[in-house]
Amino acid sequence: MIKSELTFAEAVKKLREELNLTQELLAQALKVSFPTVNKWENNKTKPLRSIRSNLVEFAKGKNLSEDIIYALENA
């Protein structure tokens, strides 16, 4: 089993940076607002289960490292 040391906030930021996306572009891809992504990255909020599921599927579709996906699913 993979264990990630990343927090949810760190995982969102790492995902975005590895894909060379701005917070705004990630927000558009996930159909959420820019302030929402900003709050995730600043550890102010976490997404609802349905949005988290969309985020995980988005990450899986981009062939990102398993530590990012694990943190998105479990942090």
N, C-alpha and C. Protein backbone atom coordinates (compact mmCIF):
# COMPACT_ATOMS: atom_id res chain seq x y z
N MET A 1 0.85 -1.19 0.00
CA MET A 1 0.00 0.00 0.00
C MET A 1 0.88 1.24 0.00
N ILE A 2 0.50 2.20 -0.77
CA ILE A 2 1.24 3.46 -0.87
C ILE A 2 0.79 4.39 0.24
N LYS A 3 1.77 5.01 0.86
CA LYS A 3 1.46 6.01 1.86
C LYS A 3 2.10 7.32 1.41
N SER A 4 1.33 8.37 1.46
CA SER A 4 1.83 9.67 1.04
C SER A 4 2.03 10.56 2.25
N GLU A 5 3.12 11.30 2.22
CA GLU A 5 3.38 12.28 3.27
C GLU A 5 2.75 13.63 2.92
N LEU A 6 2.17 13.72 1.73
CA LEU A 6 1.57 14.98 1.28
C LEU A 6 0.25 15.23 1.99
N THR A 7 -0.01 16.48 2.32
CA THR A 7 -1.34 16.86 2.78
C THR A 7 -2.22 17.02 1.53
N PHE A 8 -3.51 17.15 1.74
CA PHE A 8 -4.41 17.38 0.61
C PHE A 8 -4.00 18.67 -0.12
N ALA A 9 -3.74 19.72 0.65
CA ALA A 9 -3.37 21.01 0.05
C ALA A 9 -2.10 20.88 -0.79
N GLU A 10 -1.11 20.19 -0.26
CA GLU A 10 0.15 20.00 -1.00
C GLU A 10 -0.08 19.17 -2.27
N ALA A 11 -0.95 18.18 -2.17
CA ALA A 11 -1.22 17.33 -3.33
C ALA A 11 -1.90 18.11 -4.45
N VAL A 12 -2.84 18.98 -4.11
CA VAL A 12 -3.51 19.80 -5.12
C VAL A 12 -2.50 20.71 -5.81
N LYS A 13 -1.65 21.34 -5.01
CA LYS A 13 -0.65 22.24 -5.58
C LYS A 13 0.34 21.48 -6.45
N LYS A 14 0.79 20.32 -5.99
CA LYS A 14 1.75 19.53 -6.75
C LYS A 14 1.13 19.06 -8.07
N LEU A 15 -0.12 18.62 -8.02
CA LEU A 15 -0.84 18.20 -9.23
C LEU A 15 -0.86 19.36 -10.23
N ARG A 16 -1.26 20.51 -9.74
CA ARG A 16 -1.39 21.68 -10.61
C ARG A 16 -0.04 22.07 -11.21
N GLU A 17 0.99 22.08 -10.38
CA GLU A 17 2.31 22.47 -10.87
C GLU A 17 2.89 21.47 -11.86
N GLU A 18 2.69 20.17 -11.60
CA GLU A 18 3.20 19.16 -12.52
C GLU A 18 2.52 19.23 -13.88
N LEU A 19 1.29 19.71 -13.89
CA LEU A 19 0.55 19.84 -15.15
C LEU A 19 0.69 21.25 -15.75
N ASN A 20 1.49 22.08 -15.11
CA ASN A 20 1.70 23.46 -15.56
C ASN A 20 0.39 24.22 -15.72
N LEU A 21 -0.47 24.08 -14.73
CA LEU A 21 -1.76 24.77 -14.74
C LEU A 21 -1.77 25.87 -13.70
N THR A 22 -2.48 26.94 -14.00
CA THR A 22 -2.75 27.95 -12.98
C THR A 22 -3.91 27.45 -12.13
N GLN A 23 -4.13 28.10 -11.01
CA GLN A 23 -5.30 27.74 -10.20
C GLN A 23 -6.58 27.94 -11.01
N GLU A 24 -6.60 28.98 -11.80
CA GLU A 24 -7.78 29.28 -12.61
C GLU A 24 -8.05 28.18 -13.65
N LEU A 25 -6.99 27.70 -14.30
CA LEU A 25 -7.17 26.65 -15.30
C LEU A 25 -7.59 25.32 -14.66
N LEU A 26 -7.03 25.02 -13.49
CA LEU A 26 -7.46 23.81 -12.79
C LEU A 26 -8.92 23.94 -12.39
N ALA A 27 -9.30 25.10 -11.90
CA ALA A 27 -10.70 25.34 -11.53
C ALA A 27 -11.63 25.12 -12.71
N GLN A 28 -11.25 25.64 -13.87
CA GLN A 28 -12.08 25.46 -15.07
C GLN A 28 -12.19 23.98 -15.44
N ALA A 29 -11.08 23.25 -15.36
CA ALA A 29 -11.09 21.83 -15.71
C ALA A 29 -11.99 21.03 -14.78
N LEU A 30 -12.08 21.45 -13.52
CA LEU A 30 -12.90 20.73 -12.53
C LEU A 30 -14.30 21.31 -12.36
N LYS A 31 -14.55 22.41 -13.09
CA LYS A 31 -15.85 23.09 -13.02
C LYS A 31 -16.16 23.59 -11.60
N VAL A 32 -15.12 24.21 -11.01
CA VAL A 32 -15.27 24.88 -9.72
C VAL A 32 -14.71 26.29 -9.89
N SER A 33 -14.85 27.11 -8.89
CA SER A 33 -14.36 28.49 -8.99
C SER A 33 -12.87 28.56 -8.62
N PHE A 34 -12.24 29.62 -9.11
CA PHE A 34 -10.84 29.88 -8.76
C PHE A 34 -10.65 29.97 -7.25
N PRO A 35 -11.51 30.72 -6.52
CA PRO A 35 -11.32 30.80 -5.07
C PRO A 35 -11.40 29.43 -4.38
N THR A 36 -12.16 28.51 -4.96
CA THR A 36 -12.25 27.18 -4.38
C THR A 36 -10.90 26.48 -4.43
N VAL A 37 -10.25 26.49 -5.58
CA VAL A 37 -8.93 25.86 -5.71
C VAL A 37 -7.94 26.56 -4.80
N ASN A 38 -8.01 27.87 -4.73
CA ASN A 38 -7.12 28.64 -3.86
C ASN A 38 -7.30 28.21 -2.40
N LYS A 39 -8.52 28.03 -1.97
CA LYS A 39 -8.79 27.60 -0.58
C LYS A 39 -8.26 26.19 -0.33
N TRP A 40 -8.39 25.31 -1.33
CA TRP A 40 -7.83 23.96 -1.17
C TRP A 40 -6.33 24.03 -0.96
N GLU A 41 -5.64 24.80 -1.81
CA GLU A 41 -4.18 24.88 -1.74
C GLU A 41 -3.69 25.58 -0.47
N ASN A 42 -4.50 26.43 0.09
CA ASN A 42 -4.13 27.13 1.32
C ASN A 42 -4.69 26.44 2.57
N ASN A 43 -5.18 25.22 2.36
CA ASN A 43 -5.66 24.37 3.45
C ASN A 43 -6.78 25.02 4.27
N LYS A 44 -7.63 25.78 3.58
CA LYS A 44 -8.75 26.43 4.25
C LYS A 44 -10.02 25.59 4.15
N THR A 45 -10.15 24.83 3.07
CA THR A 45 -11.29 23.94 2.89
C THR A 45 -10.84 22.71 2.13
N LYS A 46 -11.69 21.69 2.17
CA LYS A 46 -11.51 20.50 1.33
C LYS A 46 -12.79 20.35 0.53
N PRO A 47 -12.71 19.69 -0.62
CA PRO A 47 -13.90 19.59 -1.46
C PRO A 47 -14.93 18.60 -0.93
N LEU A 48 -16.15 18.78 -1.41
CA LEU A 48 -17.20 17.80 -1.15
C LEU A 48 -16.79 16.48 -1.78
N ARG A 49 -17.36 15.41 -1.31
CA ARG A 49 -17.00 14.08 -1.80
C ARG A 49 -17.12 13.96 -3.32
N SER A 50 -18.16 14.50 -3.91
CA SER A 50 -18.35 14.38 -5.37
C SER A 50 -17.26 15.13 -6.13
N ILE A 51 -16.89 16.30 -5.62
CA ILE A 51 -15.85 17.08 -6.29
C ILE A 51 -14.49 16.42 -6.07
N ARG A 52 -14.27 15.88 -4.88
CA ARG A 52 -13.02 15.16 -4.61
C ARG A 52 -12.89 13.98 -5.57
N SER A 53 -13.98 13.28 -5.80
CA SER A 53 -13.98 12.16 -6.73
C SER A 53 -13.59 12.61 -8.14
N ASN A 54 -14.14 13.74 -8.57
CA ASN A 54 -13.79 14.30 -9.88
C ASN A 54 -12.31 14.67 -9.94
N LEU A 55 -11.80 15.23 -8.86
CA LEU A 55 -10.40 15.62 -8.78
C LEU A 55 -9.49 14.39 -8.88
N VAL A 56 -9.84 13.33 -8.17
CA VAL A 56 -9.06 12.09 -8.20
C VAL A 56 -9.07 11.49 -9.60
N GLU A 57 -10.23 11.45 -10.23
CA GLU A 57 -10.32 10.90 -11.59
C GLU A 57 -9.52 11.75 -12.57
N PHE A 58 -9.57 13.06 -12.40
CA PHE A 58 -8.77 13.96 -13.23
C PHE A 58 -7.29 13.64 -13.07
N ALA A 59 -6.85 13.48 -11.84
CA ALA A 59 -5.43 13.18 -11.57
C ALA A 59 -5.03 11.84 -12.15
N LYS A 60 -5.89 10.84 -12.00
CA LYS A 60 -5.58 9.50 -12.53
C LYS A 60 -5.45 9.55 -14.05
N GLY A 61 -6.24 10.37 -14.69
CA GLY A 61 -6.21 10.49 -16.13
C GLY A 61 -4.98 11.21 -16.66
N LYS A 62 -4.23 11.83 -15.77
CA LYS A 62 -3.05 12.60 -16.17
C LYS A 62 -1.74 11.88 -15.87
N ASN A 63 -1.82 10.63 -15.41
CA ASN A 63 -0.63 9.82 -15.16
C ASN A 63 0.33 10.49 -14.17
N LEU A 64 -0.22 10.98 -13.07
CA LEU A 64 0.59 11.61 -12.04
C LEU A 64 1.09 10.58 -11.05
N SER A 65 2.03 10.98 -10.21
CA SER A 65 2.60 10.04 -9.25
C SER A 65 1.54 9.54 -8.27
N GLU A 66 1.78 8.33 -7.80
CA GLU A 66 0.80 7.70 -6.91
C GLU A 66 0.69 8.41 -5.57
N ASP A 67 1.74 9.10 -5.14
CA ASP A 67 1.65 9.81 -3.86
C ASP A 67 0.66 10.97 -3.94
N ILE A 68 0.58 11.61 -5.10
CA ILE A 68 -0.41 12.69 -5.28
C ILE A 68 -1.81 12.10 -5.24
N ILE A 69 -2.04 11.05 -5.98
CA ILE A 69 -3.37 10.44 -6.03
C ILE A 69 -3.78 9.92 -4.67
N TYR A 70 -2.86 9.27 -3.96
CA TYR A 70 -3.15 8.76 -2.62
C TYR A 70 -3.58 9.90 -1.69
N ALA A 71 -2.81 10.99 -1.71
CA ALA A 71 -3.13 12.12 -0.84
C ALA A 71 -4.48 12.75 -1.20
N LEU A 72 -4.77 12.84 -2.49
CA LEU A 72 -6.07 13.38 -2.91
C LEU A 72 -7.22 12.50 -2.42
N GLU A 73 -7.02 11.20 -2.44
CA GLU A 73 -8.06 10.27 -2.02
C GLU A 73 -8.20 10.18 -0.51
N ASN A 74 -7.09 10.31 0.21
CA ASN A 74 -7.09 9.94 1.63
C ASN A 74 -6.77 11.05 2.62
N ALA A 75 -6.23 12.14 2.17
CA ALA A 75 -5.80 13.19 3.12
C ALA A 75 -6.98 14.00 3.59
